[in-house]
């Protein structure tokens, strides 16, 4: 994937700090892999499905991920990063002076 989001303390939105470790792992996998279903995320993260479901709920509450209904199976949702939120966090990081840290 050519336009991967690199998640660091500087490029991630502040809302990431308020999420549990499982949600941070799910977010990292989405940043590397792109759009995935809940079951694909469970496989990739090796977390129980229930934990992935909770992590996705937390990420959605913080508006960090977007979900769409799968066209191939309407029972599933496909999750991806909220590109607008991550783009604005990256823009703010570029505008910051590293000497201020």
PDB file of N, CA and C in Angstrom:
ATOM      1  N   UNK A   1       0.850  -1.178   0.000  1.00  0.00           N
ATOM      2  CA  UNK A   1       0.000   0.000   0.000  1.00  0.00           C
ATOM      3  C   UNK A   1       0.888   1.231   0.000  1.00  0.00           C
ATOM      4  N   UNK A   2       0.745   2.096  -0.961  1.00  0.00           N
ATOM      5  CA  UNK A   2       1.668   3.197  -1.137  1.00  0.00           C
ATOM      6  C   UNK A   2       1.436   4.356  -0.182  1.00  0.00           C
ATOM      7  N   UNK A   3       0.212   4.619   0.222  1.00  0.00           N
ATOM      8  CA  UNK A   3      -0.044   5.753   1.094  1.00  0.00           C
ATOM      9  C   UNK A   3      -0.393   5.308   2.512  1.00  0.00           C
ATOM     10  N   UNK A   4       0.488   4.510   3.094  1.00  0.00           N
ATOM     11  CA  UNK A   4       0.284   4.056   4.468  1.00  0.00           C
ATOM     12  C   UNK A   4       0.438   5.227   5.420  1.00  0.00           C
ATOM     13  N   UNK A   5      -0.325   5.193   6.478  1.00  0.00           N
ATOM     14  CA  UNK A   5      -0.192   6.175   7.536  1.00  0.00           C
ATOM     15  C   UNK A   5       0.815   5.625   8.530  1.00  0.00           C
ATOM     16  N   UNK A   6       1.821   6.410   8.839  1.00  0.00           N
ATOM     17  CA  UNK A   6       2.799   6.000   9.833  1.00  0.00           C
ATOM     18  C   UNK A   6       2.340   6.567  11.166  1.00  0.00           C
ATOM     19  N   UNK A   7       1.996   5.673  12.085  1.00  0.00           N
ATOM     20  CA  UNK A   7       1.495   6.114  13.376  1.00  0.00           C
ATOM     21  C   UNK A   7       2.651   6.299  14.352  1.00  0.00           C
ATOM     22  N   UNK A   8       2.813   7.514  14.792  1.00  0.00           N
ATOM     23  CA  UNK A   8       3.777   7.828  15.844  1.00  0.00           C
ATOM     24  C   UNK A   8       3.070   8.736  16.837  1.00  0.00           C
ATOM     25  N   UNK A   9       3.720   9.037  17.932  1.00  0.00           N
ATOM     26  CA  UNK A   9       3.122   9.939  18.918  1.00  0.00           C
ATOM     27  C   UNK A   9       2.871  11.313  18.306  1.00  0.00           C
ATOM     28  N   UNK A  10       3.656  11.674  17.284  1.00  0.00           N
ATOM     29  CA  UNK A  10       3.498  12.991  16.660  1.00  0.00           C
ATOM     30  C   UNK A  10       2.429  13.015  15.575  1.00  0.00           C
ATOM     31  N   UNK A  11       2.245  11.908  14.858  1.00  0.00           N
ATOM     32  CA  UNK A  11       1.321  11.928  13.720  1.00  0.00           C
ATOM     33  C   UNK A  11      -0.085  11.435  14.052  1.00  0.00           C
ATOM     34  N   UNK A  12      -0.256  10.761  15.161  1.00  0.00           N
ATOM     35  CA  UNK A  12      -1.586  10.263  15.527  1.00  0.00           C
ATOM     36  C   UNK A  12      -2.401  11.376  16.186  1.00  0.00           C
ATOM     37  N   UNK A  13      -3.689  11.404  15.933  1.00  0.00           N
ATOM     38  CA  UNK A  13      -4.543  12.389  16.606  1.00  0.00           C
ATOM     39  C   UNK A  13      -4.505  12.199  18.129  1.00  0.00           C
ATOM     40  N   UNK A  14      -4.735  13.269  18.863  1.00  0.00           N
ATOM     41  CA  UNK A  14      -4.706  13.214  20.333  1.00  0.00           C
ATOM     42  C   UNK A  14      -5.692  12.201  20.906  1.00  0.00           C
ATOM     43  N   UNK A  15      -6.785  11.946  20.196  1.00  0.00           N
ATOM     44  CA  UNK A  15      -7.810  11.015  20.688  1.00  0.00           C
ATOM     45  C   UNK A  15      -7.258   9.601  20.862  1.00  0.00           C
ATOM     46  N   UNK A  16      -6.180   9.258  20.178  1.00  0.00           N
ATOM     47  CA  UNK A  16      -5.598   7.919  20.294  1.00  0.00           C
ATOM     48  C   UNK A  16      -5.131   7.672  21.724  1.00  0.00           C
ATOM     49  N   UNK A  17      -4.675   8.707  22.397  1.00  0.00           N
ATOM     50  CA  UNK A  17      -4.198   8.566  23.781  1.00  0.00           C
ATOM     51  C   UNK A  17      -5.276   8.043  24.726  1.00  0.00           C
ATOM     52  N   UNK A  18      -6.538   8.285  24.394  1.00  0.00           N
ATOM     53  CA  UNK A  18      -7.646   7.907  25.264  1.00  0.00           C
ATOM     54  C   UNK A  18      -8.201   6.510  24.970  1.00  0.00           C
ATOM     55  N   UNK A  19      -7.519   5.739  24.124  1.00  0.00           N
ATOM     56  CA  UNK A  19      -8.011   4.414  23.759  1.00  0.00           C
ATOM     57  C   UNK A  19      -7.188   3.322  24.436  1.00  0.00           C
ATOM     58  N   UNK A  20      -7.787   2.155  24.653  1.00  0.00           N
ATOM     59  CA  UNK A  20      -7.058   1.051  25.281  1.00  0.00           C
ATOM     60  C   UNK A  20      -6.004   0.473  24.327  1.00  0.00           C
ATOM     61  N   UNK A  21      -5.060  -0.298  24.864  1.00  0.00           N
ATOM     62  CA  UNK A  21      -4.004  -0.883  24.022  1.00  0.00           C
ATOM     63  C   UNK A  21      -4.537  -1.718  22.856  1.00  0.00           C
ATOM     64  N   UNK A  22      -5.631  -2.442  23.065  1.00  0.00           N
ATOM     65  CA  UNK A  22      -6.183  -3.251  21.976  1.00  0.00           C
ATOM     66  C   UNK A  22      -6.642  -2.361  20.825  1.00  0.00           C
ATOM     67  N   UNK A  23      -7.201  -1.213  21.133  1.00  0.00           N
ATOM     68  CA  UNK A  23      -7.641  -0.290  20.090  1.00  0.00           C
ATOM     69  C   UNK A  23      -6.443   0.292  19.343  1.00  0.00           C
ATOM     70  N   UNK A  24      -5.365   0.552  20.053  1.00  0.00           N
ATOM     71  CA  UNK A  24      -4.147   1.056  19.403  1.00  0.00           C
ATOM     72  C   UNK A  24      -3.581   0.006  18.452  1.00  0.00           C
ATOM     73  N   UNK A  25      -3.642  -1.255  18.845  1.00  0.00           N
ATOM     74  CA  UNK A  25      -3.173  -2.327  17.978  1.00  0.00           C
ATOM     75  C   UNK A  25      -4.040  -2.427  16.724  1.00  0.00           C
ATOM     76  N   UNK A  26      -5.342  -2.376  16.898  1.00  0.00           N
ATOM     77  CA  UNK A  26      -6.264  -2.423  15.758  1.00  0.00           C
ATOM     78  C   UNK A  26      -5.995  -1.238  14.826  1.00  0.00           C
ATOM     79  N   UNK A  27      -5.775  -0.068  15.391  1.00  0.00           N
ATOM     80  CA  UNK A  27      -5.492   1.127  14.604  1.00  0.00           C
ATOM     81  C   UNK A  27      -4.201   0.965  13.807  1.00  0.00           C
ATOM     82  N   UNK A  28      -3.186   0.391  14.429  1.00  0.00           N
ATOM     83  CA  UNK A  28      -1.905   0.170  13.758  1.00  0.00           C
ATOM     84  C   UNK A  28      -2.067  -0.801  12.592  1.00  0.00           C
ATOM     85  N   UNK A  29      -2.829  -1.867  12.799  1.00  0.00           N
ATOM     86  CA  UNK A  29      -3.058  -2.837  11.725  1.00  0.00           C
ATOM     87  C   UNK A  29      -3.825  -2.177  10.577  1.00  0.00           C
ATOM     88  N   UNK A  30      -4.823  -1.373  10.884  1.00  0.00           N
ATOM     89  CA  UNK A  30      -5.559  -0.668   9.835  1.00  0.00           C
ATOM     90  C   UNK A  30      -4.642   0.288   9.074  1.00  0.00           C
ATOM     91  N   UNK A  31      -3.710   0.924   9.775  1.00  0.00           N
ATOM     92  CA  UNK A  31      -2.771   1.840   9.120  1.00  0.00           C
ATOM     93  C   UNK A  31      -1.877   1.082   8.141  1.00  0.00           C
ATOM     94  N   UNK A  32      -1.493  -0.137   8.498  1.00  0.00           N
ATOM     95  CA  UNK A  32      -0.599  -0.917   7.642  1.00  0.00           C
ATOM     96  C   UNK A  32      -1.324  -1.689   6.555  1.00  0.00           C
ATOM     97  N   UNK A  33      -2.492  -2.224   6.874  1.00  0.00           N
ATOM     98  CA  UNK A  33      -3.190  -3.115   5.952  1.00  0.00           C
ATOM     99  C   UNK A  33      -4.290  -2.443   5.146  1.00  0.00           C
ATOM    100  N   UNK A  34      -4.794  -1.315   5.614  1.00  0.00           N
ATOM    101  CA  UNK A  34      -5.884  -0.653   4.903  1.00  0.00           C
ATOM    102  C   UNK A  34      -7.233  -1.106   5.423  1.00  0.00           C
ATOM    103  N   UNK A  35      -8.176  -1.319   4.545  1.00  0.00           N
ATOM    104  CA  UNK A  35      -9.558  -1.653   4.908  1.00  0.00           C
ATOM    105  C   UNK A  35      -9.691  -3.130   5.237  1.00  0.00           C
ATOM    106  N   UNK A  36     -10.270  -3.426   6.416  1.00  0.00           N
ATOM    107  CA  UNK A  36     -10.446  -4.808   6.859  1.00  0.00           C
ATOM    108  C   UNK A  36     -11.774  -4.983   7.573  1.00  0.00           C
ATOM    109  N   UNK A  37     -12.281  -6.204   7.563  1.00  0.00           N
ATOM    110  CA  UNK A  37     -13.479  -6.535   8.328  1.00  0.00           C
ATOM    111  C   UNK A  37     -13.076  -6.865   9.766  1.00  0.00           C
ATOM    112  N   UNK A  38     -14.060  -6.995  10.633  1.00  0.00           N
ATOM    113  CA  UNK A  38     -13.791  -7.339  12.033  1.00  0.00           C
ATOM    114  C   UNK A  38     -13.086  -8.691  12.129  1.00  0.00           C
ATOM    115  N   UNK A  39     -13.521  -9.670  11.360  1.00  0.00           N
ATOM    116  CA  UNK A  39     -12.885 -10.987  11.433  1.00  0.00           C
ATOM    117  C   UNK A  39     -11.461 -10.949  10.886  1.00  0.00           C
ATOM    118  N   UNK A  40     -11.218 -10.156   9.852  1.00  0.00           N
ATOM    119  CA  UNK A  40      -9.859 -10.008   9.333  1.00  0.00           C
ATOM    120  C   UNK A  40      -8.967  -9.327  10.369  1.00  0.00           C
ATOM    121  N   UNK A  41      -9.519  -8.345  11.075  1.00  0.00           N
ATOM    122  CA  UNK A  41      -8.752  -7.676  12.129  1.00  0.00           C
ATOM    123  C   UNK A  41      -8.421  -8.639  13.261  1.00  0.00           C
ATOM    124  N   UNK A  42      -9.370  -9.493  13.607  1.00  0.00           N
ATOM    125  CA  UNK A  42      -9.120 -10.487  14.660  1.00  0.00           C
ATOM    126  C   UNK A  42      -7.992 -11.423  14.250  1.00  0.00           C
ATOM    127  N   UNK A  43      -7.983 -11.817  12.997  1.00  0.00           N
ATOM    128  CA  UNK A  43      -6.924 -12.698  12.494  1.00  0.00           C
ATOM    129  C   UNK A  43      -5.578 -11.983  12.493  1.00  0.00           C
ATOM    130  N   UNK A  44      -5.544 -10.770  11.985  1.00  0.00           N
ATOM    131  CA  UNK A  44      -4.294 -10.010  11.880  1.00  0.00           C
ATOM    132  C   UNK A  44      -3.710  -9.643  13.245  1.00  0.00           C
ATOM    133  N   UNK A  45      -4.570  -9.283  14.194  1.00  0.00           N
ATOM    134  CA  UNK A  45      -4.088  -8.851  15.506  1.00  0.00           C
ATOM    135  C   UNK A  45      -3.903 -10.011  16.479  1.00  0.00           C
ATOM    136  N   UNK A  46      -4.509 -11.164  16.142  1.00  0.00           N
ATOM    137  CA  UNK A  46      -4.514 -12.331  17.025  1.00  0.00           C
ATOM    138  C   UNK A  46      -5.221 -12.027  18.353  1.00  0.00           C
ATOM    139  N   UNK A  47      -6.171 -11.102  18.307  1.00  0.00           N
ATOM    140  CA  UNK A  47      -6.999 -10.782  19.466  1.00  0.00           C
ATOM    141  C   UNK A  47      -8.327 -11.516  19.343  1.00  0.00           C
ATOM    142  N   UNK A  48      -8.977 -11.816  20.470  1.00  0.00           N
ATOM    143  CA  UNK A  48     -10.315 -12.422  20.394  1.00  0.00           C
ATOM    144  C   UNK A  48     -11.290 -11.480  19.683  1.00  0.00           C
ATOM    145  N   UNK A  49     -12.260 -12.036  19.016  1.00  0.00           N
ATOM    146  CA  UNK A  49     -13.243 -11.247  18.270  1.00  0.00           C
ATOM    147  C   UNK A  49     -13.943 -10.233  19.174  1.00  0.00           C
ATOM    148  N   UNK A  50     -14.254 -10.646  20.385  1.00  0.00           N
ATOM    149  CA  UNK A  50     -14.925  -9.741  21.325  1.00  0.00           C
ATOM    150  C   UNK A  50     -14.054  -8.528  21.643  1.00  0.00           C
ATOM    151  N   UNK A  51     -12.751  -8.746  21.791  1.00  0.00           N
ATOM    152  CA  UNK A  51     -11.818  -7.653  22.073  1.00  0.00           C
ATOM    153  C   UNK A  51     -11.725  -6.714  20.881  1.00  0.00           C
ATOM    154  N   UNK A  52     -11.697  -7.267  19.680  1.00  0.00           N
ATOM    155  CA  UNK A  52     -11.649  -6.446  18.469  1.00  0.00           C
ATOM    156  C   UNK A  52     -12.930  -5.617  18.355  1.00  0.00           C
ATOM    157  N   UNK A  53     -14.068  -6.239  18.655  1.00  0.00           N
ATOM    158  CA  UNK A  53     -15.339  -5.518  18.607  1.00  0.00           C
ATOM    159  C   UNK A  53     -15.334  -4.339  19.581  1.00  0.00           C
ATOM    160  N   UNK A  54     -14.827  -4.557  20.802  1.00  0.00           N
ATOM    161  CA  UNK A  54     -14.736  -3.482  21.790  1.00  0.00           C
ATOM    162  C   UNK A  54     -13.766  -2.397  21.312  1.00  0.00           C
ATOM    163  N   UNK A  55     -12.639  -2.804  20.760  1.00  0.00           N
ATOM    164  CA  UNK A  55     -11.643  -1.845  20.270  1.00  0.00           C
ATOM    165  C   UNK A  55     -12.241  -0.984  19.156  1.00  0.00           C
ATOM    166  N   UNK A  56     -12.956  -1.614  18.237  1.00  0.00           N
ATOM    167  CA  UNK A  56     -13.583  -0.864  17.151  1.00  0.00           C
ATOM    168  C   UNK A  56     -14.637   0.103  17.667  1.00  0.00           C
ATOM    169  N   UNK A  57     -15.376  -0.316  18.692  1.00  0.00           N
ATOM    170  CA  UNK A  57     -16.379   0.571  19.300  1.00  0.00           C
ATOM    171  C   UNK A  57     -15.698   1.810  19.891  1.00  0.00           C
ATOM    172  N   UNK A  58     -14.588   1.588  20.581  1.00  0.00           N
ATOM    173  CA  UNK A  58     -13.837   2.710  21.163  1.00  0.00           C
ATOM    174  C   UNK A  58     -13.292   3.633  20.071  1.00  0.00           C
ATOM    175  N   UNK A  59     -12.766   3.047  19.011  1.00  0.00           N
ATOM    176  CA  UNK A  59     -12.213   3.837  17.915  1.00  0.00           C
ATOM    177  C   UNK A  59     -13.303   4.626  17.190  1.00  0.00           C
ATOM    178  N   UNK A  60     -14.479   4.023  17.040  1.00  0.00           N
ATOM    179  CA  UNK A  60     -15.589   4.736  16.402  1.00  0.00           C
ATOM    180  C   UNK A  60     -16.090   5.879  17.284  1.00  0.00           C
ATOM    181  N   UNK A  61     -16.129   5.657  18.598  1.00  0.00           N
ATOM    182  CA  UNK A  61     -16.569   6.715  19.513  1.00  0.00           C
ATOM    183  C   UNK A  61     -15.627   7.916  19.467  1.00  0.00           C
ATOM    184  N   UNK A  62     -14.347   7.676  19.208  1.00  0.00           N
ATOM    185  CA  UNK A  62     -13.358   8.755  19.104  1.00  0.00           C
ATOM    186  C   UNK A  62     -13.193   9.236  17.661  1.00  0.00           C
ATOM    187  N   UNK A  63     -14.034   8.715  16.765  1.00  0.00           N
ATOM    188  CA  UNK A  63     -14.039   9.095  15.351  1.00  0.00           C
ATOM    189  C   UNK A  63     -12.693   8.824  14.667  1.00  0.00           C
ATOM    190  N   UNK A  64     -11.997   7.772  15.101  1.00  0.00           N
ATOM    191  CA  UNK A  64     -10.694   7.441  14.538  1.00  0.00           C
ATOM    192  C   UNK A  64     -10.801   6.477  13.354  1.00  0.00           C
ATOM    193  N   UNK A  65     -11.908   5.755  13.263  1.00  0.00           N
ATOM    194  CA  UNK A  65     -12.119   4.840  12.133  1.00  0.00           C
ATOM    195  C   UNK A  65     -13.466   5.113  11.482  1.00  0.00           C
ATOM    196  N   UNK A  66     -13.532   4.746  10.226  1.00  0.00           N
ATOM    197  CA  UNK A  66     -14.784   4.806   9.472  1.00  0.00           C
ATOM    198  C   UNK A  66     -15.219   3.380   9.191  1.00  0.00           C
ATOM    199  N   UNK A  67     -16.509   3.150   9.088  1.00  0.00           N
ATOM    200  CA  UNK A  67     -16.990   1.822   8.714  1.00  0.00           C
ATOM    201  C   UNK A  67     -18.021   1.962   7.604  1.00  0.00           C
ATOM    202  N   UNK A  68     -17.971   0.989   6.708  1.00  0.00           N
ATOM    203  CA  UNK A  68     -18.927   0.916   5.613  1.00  0.00           C
ATOM    204  C   UNK A  68     -19.454  -0.513   5.546  1.00  0.00           C
ATOM    205  N   UNK A  69     -20.659  -0.653   5.079  1.00  0.00           N
ATOM    206  CA  UNK A  69     -21.225  -1.994   4.900  1.00  0.00           C
ATOM    207  C   UNK A  69     -20.557  -2.626   3.685  1.00  0.00           C
ATOM    208  N   UNK A  70     -20.180  -3.876   3.833  1.00  0.00           N
ATOM    209  CA  UNK A  70     -19.537  -4.610   2.757  1.00  0.00           C
ATOM    210  C   UNK A  70     -20.533  -4.877   1.638  1.00  0.00           C
ATOM    211  N   UNK A  71     -20.120  -4.625   0.401  1.00  0.00           N
ATOM    212  CA  UNK A  71     -21.000  -4.896  -0.735  1.00  0.00           C
ATOM    213  C   UNK A  71     -21.109  -6.392  -0.994  1.00  0.00           C
ATOM    214  N   UNK A  72     -20.065  -7.143  -0.654  1.00  0.00           N
ATOM    215  CA  UNK A  72     -20.102  -8.584  -0.914  1.00  0.00           C
ATOM    216  C   UNK A  72     -20.893  -9.351   0.146  1.00  0.00           C
ATOM    217  N   UNK A  73     -20.974  -8.787   1.368  1.00  0.00           N
ATOM    218  CA  UNK A  73     -21.730  -9.431   2.447  1.00  0.00           C
ATOM    219  C   UNK A  73     -22.261  -8.339   3.363  1.00  0.00           C
ATOM    220  N   UNK A  74     -23.521  -8.011   3.219  1.00  0.00           N
ATOM    221  CA  UNK A  74     -24.116  -6.881   3.953  1.00  0.00           C
ATOM    222  C   UNK A  74     -24.129  -7.086   5.466  1.00  0.00           C
ATOM    223  N   UNK A  75     -23.824  -8.298   5.926  1.00  0.00           N
ATOM    224  CA  UNK A  75     -23.759  -8.536   7.374  1.00  0.00           C
ATOM    225  C   UNK A  75     -22.459  -8.021   7.969  1.00  0.00           C
ATOM    226  N   UNK A  76     -21.480  -7.744   7.123  1.00  0.00           N
ATOM    227  CA  UNK A  76     -20.169  -7.315   7.605  1.00  0.00           C
ATOM    228  C   UNK A  76     -19.926  -5.841   7.333  1.00  0.00           C
ATOM    229  N   UNK A  77     -19.105  -5.252   8.177  1.00  0.00           N
ATOM    230  CA  UNK A  77     -18.654  -3.878   7.981  1.00  0.00           C
ATOM    231  C   UNK A  77     -17.176  -3.914   7.625  1.00  0.00           C
ATOM    232  N   UNK A  78     -16.766  -2.969   6.817  1.00  0.00           N
ATOM    233  CA  UNK A  78     -15.354  -2.825   6.478  1.00  0.00           C
ATOM    234  C   UNK A  78     -14.858  -1.557   7.168  1.00  0.00           C
ATOM    235  N   UNK A  79     -13.773  -1.703   7.928  1.00  0.00           N
ATOM    236  CA  UNK A  79     -13.241  -0.607   8.732  1.00  0.00           C
ATOM    237  C   UNK A  79     -11.981  -0.042   8.099  1.00  0.00           C
ATOM    238  N   UNK A  80     -11.812   1.260   8.210  1.00  0.00           N
ATOM    239  CA  UNK A  80     -10.622   1.937   7.714  1.00  0.00           C
ATOM    240  C   UNK A  80     -10.351   3.147   8.602  1.00  0.00           C
ATOM    241  N   UNK A  81      -9.155   3.698   8.476  1.00  0.00           N
ATOM    242  CA  UNK A  81      -8.819   4.892   9.246  1.00  0.00           C
ATOM    243  C   UNK A  81      -9.656   6.070   8.777  1.00  0.00           C
ATOM    244  N   UNK A  82      -9.931   6.975   9.679  1.00  0.00           N
ATOM    245  CA  UNK A  82     -10.589   8.232   9.323  1.00  0.00           C
ATOM    246  C   UNK A  82      -9.505   9.117   8.707  1.00  0.00           C
ATOM    247  N   UNK A  83      -9.410   9.069   7.384  1.00  0.00           N
ATOM    248  CA  UNK A  83      -8.333   9.764   6.682  1.00  0.00           C
ATOM    249  C   UNK A  83      -8.284  11.255   6.975  1.00  0.00           C
ATOM    250  N   UNK A  84      -9.439  11.886   7.101  1.00  0.00           N
ATOM    251  CA  UNK A  84      -9.472  13.328   7.361  1.00  0.00           C
ATOM    252  C   UNK A  84      -8.834  13.665   8.699  1.00  0.00           C
ATOM    253  N   UNK A  85      -9.136  12.883   9.711  1.00  0.00           N
ATOM    254  CA  UNK A  85      -8.605  13.133  11.047  1.00  0.00           C
ATOM    255  C   UNK A  85      -7.092  12.931  11.082  1.00  0.00           C
ATOM    256  N   UNK A  86      -6.617  11.870  10.431  1.00  0.00           N
ATOM    257  CA  UNK A  86      -5.182  11.603  10.426  1.00  0.00           C
ATOM    258  C   UNK A  86      -4.433  12.605   9.558  1.00  0.00           C
ATOM    259  N   UNK A  87      -5.052  13.058   8.478  1.00  0.00           N
ATOM    260  CA  UNK A  87      -4.418  14.065   7.625  1.00  0.00           C
ATOM    261  C   UNK A  87      -4.272  15.384   8.367  1.00  0.00           C
ATOM    262  N   UNK A  88      -5.304  15.757   9.129  1.00  0.00           N
ATOM    263  CA  UNK A  88      -5.215  17.012   9.883  1.00  0.00           C
ATOM    264  C   UNK A  88      -4.184  16.911  11.004  1.00  0.00           C
ATOM    265  N   UNK A  89      -4.047  15.736  11.626  1.00  0.00           N
ATOM    266  CA  UNK A  89      -3.030  15.547  12.667  1.00  0.00           C
ATOM    267  C   UNK A  89      -1.638  15.638  12.070  1.00  0.00           C
ATOM    268  N   UNK A  90      -1.457  15.083  10.870  1.00  0.00           N
ATOM    269  CA  UNK A  90      -0.155  15.140  10.210  1.00  0.00           C
ATOM    270  C   UNK A  90       0.179  16.567   9.797  1.00  0.00           C
ATOM    271  N   UNK A  91      -0.818  17.307   9.326  1.00  0.00           N
ATOM    272  CA  UNK A  91      -0.616  18.698   8.938  1.00  0.00           C
ATOM    273  C   UNK A  91      -0.218  19.531  10.146  1.00  0.00           C
ATOM    274  N   UNK A  92      -0.864  19.305  11.273  1.00  0.00           N
ATOM    275  CA  UNK A  92      -0.526  20.044  12.485  1.00  0.00           C
ATOM    276  C   UNK A  92       0.902  19.716  12.933  1.00  0.00           C
ATOM    277  N   UNK A  93       1.318  18.476  12.757  1.00  0.00           N
ATOM    278  CA  UNK A  93       2.658  18.063  13.141  1.00  0.00           C
ATOM    279  C   UNK A  93       3.697  18.760  12.269  1.00  0.00           C
ATOM    280  N   UNK A  94       3.432  18.866  10.972  1.00  0.00           N
ATOM    281  CA  UNK A  94       4.376  19.525  10.081  1.00  0.00           C
ATOM    282  C   UNK A  94       4.526  21.000  10.423  1.00  0.00           C
ATOM    283  N   UNK A  95       3.457  21.617  10.885  1.00  0.00           N
ATOM    284  CA  UNK A  95       3.484  23.040  11.201  1.00  0.00           C
ATOM    285  C   UNK A  95       4.117  23.365  12.541  1.00  0.00           C
ATOM    286  N   UNK A  96       4.391  22.332  13.343  1.00  0.00           N
ATOM    287  CA  UNK A  96       4.950  22.535  14.673  1.00  0.00           C
ATOM    288  C   UNK A  96       6.456  22.651  14.611  1.00  0.00           C
ATOM    289  N   UNK A  97       7.023  23.444  15.482  1.00  0.00           N
ATOM    290  CA  UNK A  97       8.476  23.567  15.596  1.00  0.00           C
ATOM    291  C   UNK A  97       8.975  22.520  16.556  1.00  0.00           C
ATOM    292  N   UNK A  98       9.898  21.620  16.138  1.00  0.00           N
ATOM    293  CA  UNK A  98      10.393  20.573  17.033  1.00  0.00           C
ATOM    294  C   UNK A  98      11.069  21.134  18.291  1.00  0.00           C
ATOM    295  N   UNK A  99      11.554  22.358  18.232  1.00  0.00           N
ATOM    296  CA  UNK A  99      12.194  22.975  19.398  1.00  0.00           C
ATOM    297  C   UNK A  99      11.193  23.254  20.506  1.00  0.00           C
ATOM    298  N   UNK A 100       9.883  23.284  20.157  1.00  0.00           N
ATOM    299  CA  UNK A 100       8.856  23.547  21.159  1.00  0.00           C
ATOM    300  C   UNK A 100       8.595  22.351  22.044  1.00  0.00           C
ATOM    301  N   UNK A 101       9.017  21.144  21.642  1.00  0.00           N
ATOM    302  CA  UNK A 101       8.741  19.920  22.404  1.00  0.00           C
ATOM    303  C   UNK A 101       9.595  19.766  23.615  1.00  0.00           C
TER     304      UNK A 101
END
